[in-house]
Amino acid sequence: MMEAVLARILTDAPERTPEGATAPAVALRALAPQLVMFSDAERHLLVDWLDRITGASGPARS
């Protein structure tokens, strides 16, 4: 019974795509303004991290 339940809810890890984390980061970045559960500061930090993953240009860092 336990194996049947686990087989229904567990899946194999998805195949790795060549872009790695880039595609999910771009998708999440597009939705970031709609994530109202975060404060403005938290959204800004999330966007900064996602921009780093995707290689988006932003302000120069020191």
N, C-alpha and C. Protein backbone atom coordinates (compact mmCIF):
# COMPACT_ATOMS: atom_id res chain seq x y z
N MET A 1 0.82 -1.20 0.00
CA MET A 1 0.00 0.00 0.00
C MET A 1 0.87 1.27 0.00
N MET A 2 1.91 1.26 0.85
CA MET A 2 2.80 2.43 0.92
C MET A 2 3.48 2.68 -0.42
N GLU A 3 3.92 1.64 -1.10
CA GLU A 3 4.57 1.81 -2.40
C GLU A 3 3.60 2.40 -3.42
N ALA A 4 2.35 1.99 -3.37
CA ALA A 4 1.35 2.52 -4.30
C ALA A 4 1.12 4.01 -4.06
N VAL A 5 1.06 4.42 -2.81
CA VAL A 5 0.87 5.84 -2.49
C VAL A 5 2.09 6.64 -2.94
N LEU A 6 3.27 6.16 -2.60
CA LEU A 6 4.49 6.86 -2.98
C LEU A 6 4.65 6.94 -4.49
N ALA A 7 4.28 5.90 -5.19
CA ALA A 7 4.38 5.90 -6.65
C ALA A 7 3.47 6.96 -7.26
N ARG A 8 2.36 7.25 -6.61
CA ARG A 8 1.43 8.26 -7.12
C ARG A 8 1.92 9.69 -6.88
N ILE A 9 2.69 9.92 -5.79
CA ILE A 9 3.06 11.29 -5.46
C ILE A 9 4.52 11.63 -5.76
N LEU A 10 5.37 10.62 -5.89
CA LEU A 10 6.78 10.87 -6.16
C LEU A 10 7.07 10.67 -7.63
N THR A 11 7.96 11.48 -8.15
CA THR A 11 8.36 11.34 -9.55
C THR A 11 9.87 11.34 -9.63
N ASP A 12 10.37 10.93 -10.77
CA ASP A 12 11.81 11.01 -11.00
C ASP A 12 12.19 12.47 -11.16
N ALA A 13 13.45 12.76 -10.88
CA ALA A 13 13.95 14.12 -11.06
C ALA A 13 13.83 14.49 -12.53
N PRO A 14 13.47 15.74 -12.81
CA PRO A 14 13.36 16.15 -14.22
C PRO A 14 14.72 16.10 -14.90
N GLU A 15 14.70 15.88 -16.19
CA GLU A 15 15.94 15.87 -16.96
C GLU A 15 16.54 17.27 -16.92
N ARG A 16 17.86 17.31 -16.83
CA ARG A 16 18.54 18.60 -16.83
C ARG A 16 18.52 19.17 -18.24
N THR A 17 18.22 20.44 -18.33
CA THR A 17 18.24 21.11 -19.62
C THR A 17 19.54 21.89 -19.74
N PRO A 18 19.97 22.19 -20.94
CA PRO A 18 21.24 22.90 -21.10
C PRO A 18 21.29 24.24 -20.39
N GLU A 19 20.17 24.92 -20.28
CA GLU A 19 20.19 26.23 -19.65
C GLU A 19 20.22 26.18 -18.13
N GLY A 20 20.09 24.99 -17.55
CA GLY A 20 20.16 24.85 -16.10
C GLY A 20 19.12 25.68 -15.38
N ALA A 21 19.57 26.59 -14.55
CA ALA A 21 18.67 27.40 -13.74
C ALA A 21 18.18 28.65 -14.47
N THR A 22 18.68 28.91 -15.64
CA THR A 22 18.34 30.16 -16.32
C THR A 22 16.86 30.26 -16.67
N ALA A 23 16.29 29.24 -17.28
CA ALA A 23 14.88 29.30 -17.69
C ALA A 23 13.94 29.48 -16.50
N PRO A 24 14.09 28.71 -15.42
CA PRO A 24 13.22 28.95 -14.27
C PRO A 24 13.44 30.34 -13.65
N ALA A 25 14.67 30.82 -13.66
CA ALA A 25 14.94 32.15 -13.10
C ALA A 25 14.27 33.24 -13.92
N VAL A 26 14.28 33.09 -15.25
CA VAL A 26 13.62 34.07 -16.12
C VAL A 26 12.12 34.05 -15.86
N ALA A 27 11.56 32.85 -15.73
CA ALA A 27 10.11 32.74 -15.49
C ALA A 27 9.73 33.36 -14.14
N LEU A 28 10.50 33.08 -13.11
CA LEU A 28 10.21 33.66 -11.80
C LEU A 28 10.43 35.16 -11.80
N ARG A 29 11.43 35.63 -12.52
CA ARG A 29 11.71 37.07 -12.62
C ARG A 29 10.53 37.80 -13.25
N ALA A 30 9.90 37.16 -14.24
CA ALA A 30 8.75 37.77 -14.89
C ALA A 30 7.57 37.91 -13.94
N LEU A 31 7.48 37.00 -12.97
CA LEU A 31 6.37 37.04 -12.01
C LEU A 31 6.68 37.84 -10.74
N ALA A 32 7.91 38.21 -10.55
CA ALA A 32 8.32 38.86 -9.31
C ALA A 32 7.45 40.06 -8.90
N PRO A 33 7.07 40.94 -9.82
CA PRO A 33 6.23 42.08 -9.40
C PRO A 33 4.87 41.66 -8.83
N GLN A 34 4.42 40.47 -9.16
CA GLN A 34 3.12 40.00 -8.69
C GLN A 34 3.20 39.28 -7.34
N LEU A 35 4.38 39.08 -6.83
CA LEU A 35 4.56 38.36 -5.57
C LEU A 35 4.31 39.30 -4.39
N VAL A 36 3.06 39.61 -4.16
CA VAL A 36 2.68 40.61 -3.16
C VAL A 36 2.87 40.12 -1.72
N MET A 37 3.14 38.83 -1.55
CA MET A 37 3.38 38.33 -0.20
C MET A 37 4.75 38.78 0.34
N PHE A 38 5.60 39.29 -0.56
CA PHE A 38 6.91 39.80 -0.16
C PHE A 38 6.84 41.31 0.00
N SER A 39 7.69 41.83 0.86
CA SER A 39 7.79 43.28 0.99
C SER A 39 8.53 43.82 -0.25
N ASP A 40 8.50 45.12 -0.43
CA ASP A 40 9.22 45.72 -1.55
C ASP A 40 10.71 45.38 -1.50
N ALA A 41 11.28 45.42 -0.31
CA ALA A 41 12.70 45.11 -0.16
C ALA A 41 12.99 43.65 -0.51
N GLU A 42 12.12 42.75 -0.09
CA GLU A 42 12.31 41.34 -0.40
C GLU A 42 12.19 41.08 -1.90
N ARG A 43 11.21 41.72 -2.54
CA ARG A 43 11.06 41.57 -4.00
C ARG A 43 12.29 42.11 -4.72
N HIS A 44 12.79 43.24 -4.26
CA HIS A 44 13.97 43.84 -4.87
C HIS A 44 15.17 42.88 -4.76
N LEU A 45 15.34 42.29 -3.59
CA LEU A 45 16.44 41.35 -3.39
C LEU A 45 16.27 40.11 -4.27
N LEU A 46 15.06 39.59 -4.34
CA LEU A 46 14.79 38.43 -5.20
C LEU A 46 15.10 38.76 -6.65
N VAL A 47 14.66 39.91 -7.11
CA VAL A 47 14.92 40.32 -8.49
C VAL A 47 16.42 40.45 -8.73
N ASP A 48 17.14 41.00 -7.77
CA ASP A 48 18.59 41.12 -7.90
C ASP A 48 19.24 39.74 -8.06
N TRP A 49 18.85 38.80 -7.23
CA TRP A 49 19.41 37.45 -7.32
C TRP A 49 19.06 36.79 -8.65
N LEU A 50 17.81 36.94 -9.08
CA LEU A 50 17.39 36.34 -10.35
C LEU A 50 18.12 36.98 -11.52
N ASP A 51 18.35 38.28 -11.46
CA ASP A 51 19.11 38.95 -12.52
C ASP A 51 20.54 38.43 -12.58
N ARG A 52 21.11 38.12 -11.44
CA ARG A 52 22.46 37.55 -11.43
C ARG A 52 22.48 36.18 -12.09
N ILE A 53 21.46 35.38 -11.81
CA ILE A 53 21.38 34.04 -12.40
C ILE A 53 21.25 34.14 -13.92
N THR A 54 20.40 35.05 -14.38
CA THR A 54 20.14 35.14 -15.81
C THR A 54 21.18 35.97 -16.56
N GLY A 55 22.05 36.63 -15.83
CA GLY A 55 23.06 37.43 -16.49
C GLY A 55 22.56 38.77 -16.97
N ALA A 56 21.38 39.16 -16.47
CA ALA A 56 20.82 40.46 -16.86
C ALA A 56 21.72 41.57 -16.34
N SER A 57 21.90 42.59 -17.14
CA SER A 57 22.76 43.68 -16.70
C SER A 57 22.02 44.56 -15.72
N GLY A 58 22.73 45.05 -14.77
CA GLY A 58 22.17 45.93 -13.77
C GLY A 58 23.23 46.92 -13.34
N PRO A 59 23.02 47.57 -12.21
CA PRO A 59 24.01 48.52 -11.74
C PRO A 59 25.35 47.84 -11.48
N ALA A 60 26.42 48.57 -11.72
CA ALA A 60 27.75 48.02 -11.48
C ALA A 60 27.95 47.75 -10.00
N ARG A 61 28.63 46.68 -9.72
CA ARG A 61 28.90 46.29 -8.33
C ARG A 61 30.33 46.67 -7.97
N SER A 62 30.53 47.03 -6.70
CA SER A 62 31.89 47.36 -6.27
C SER A 62 32.49 46.24 -5.48
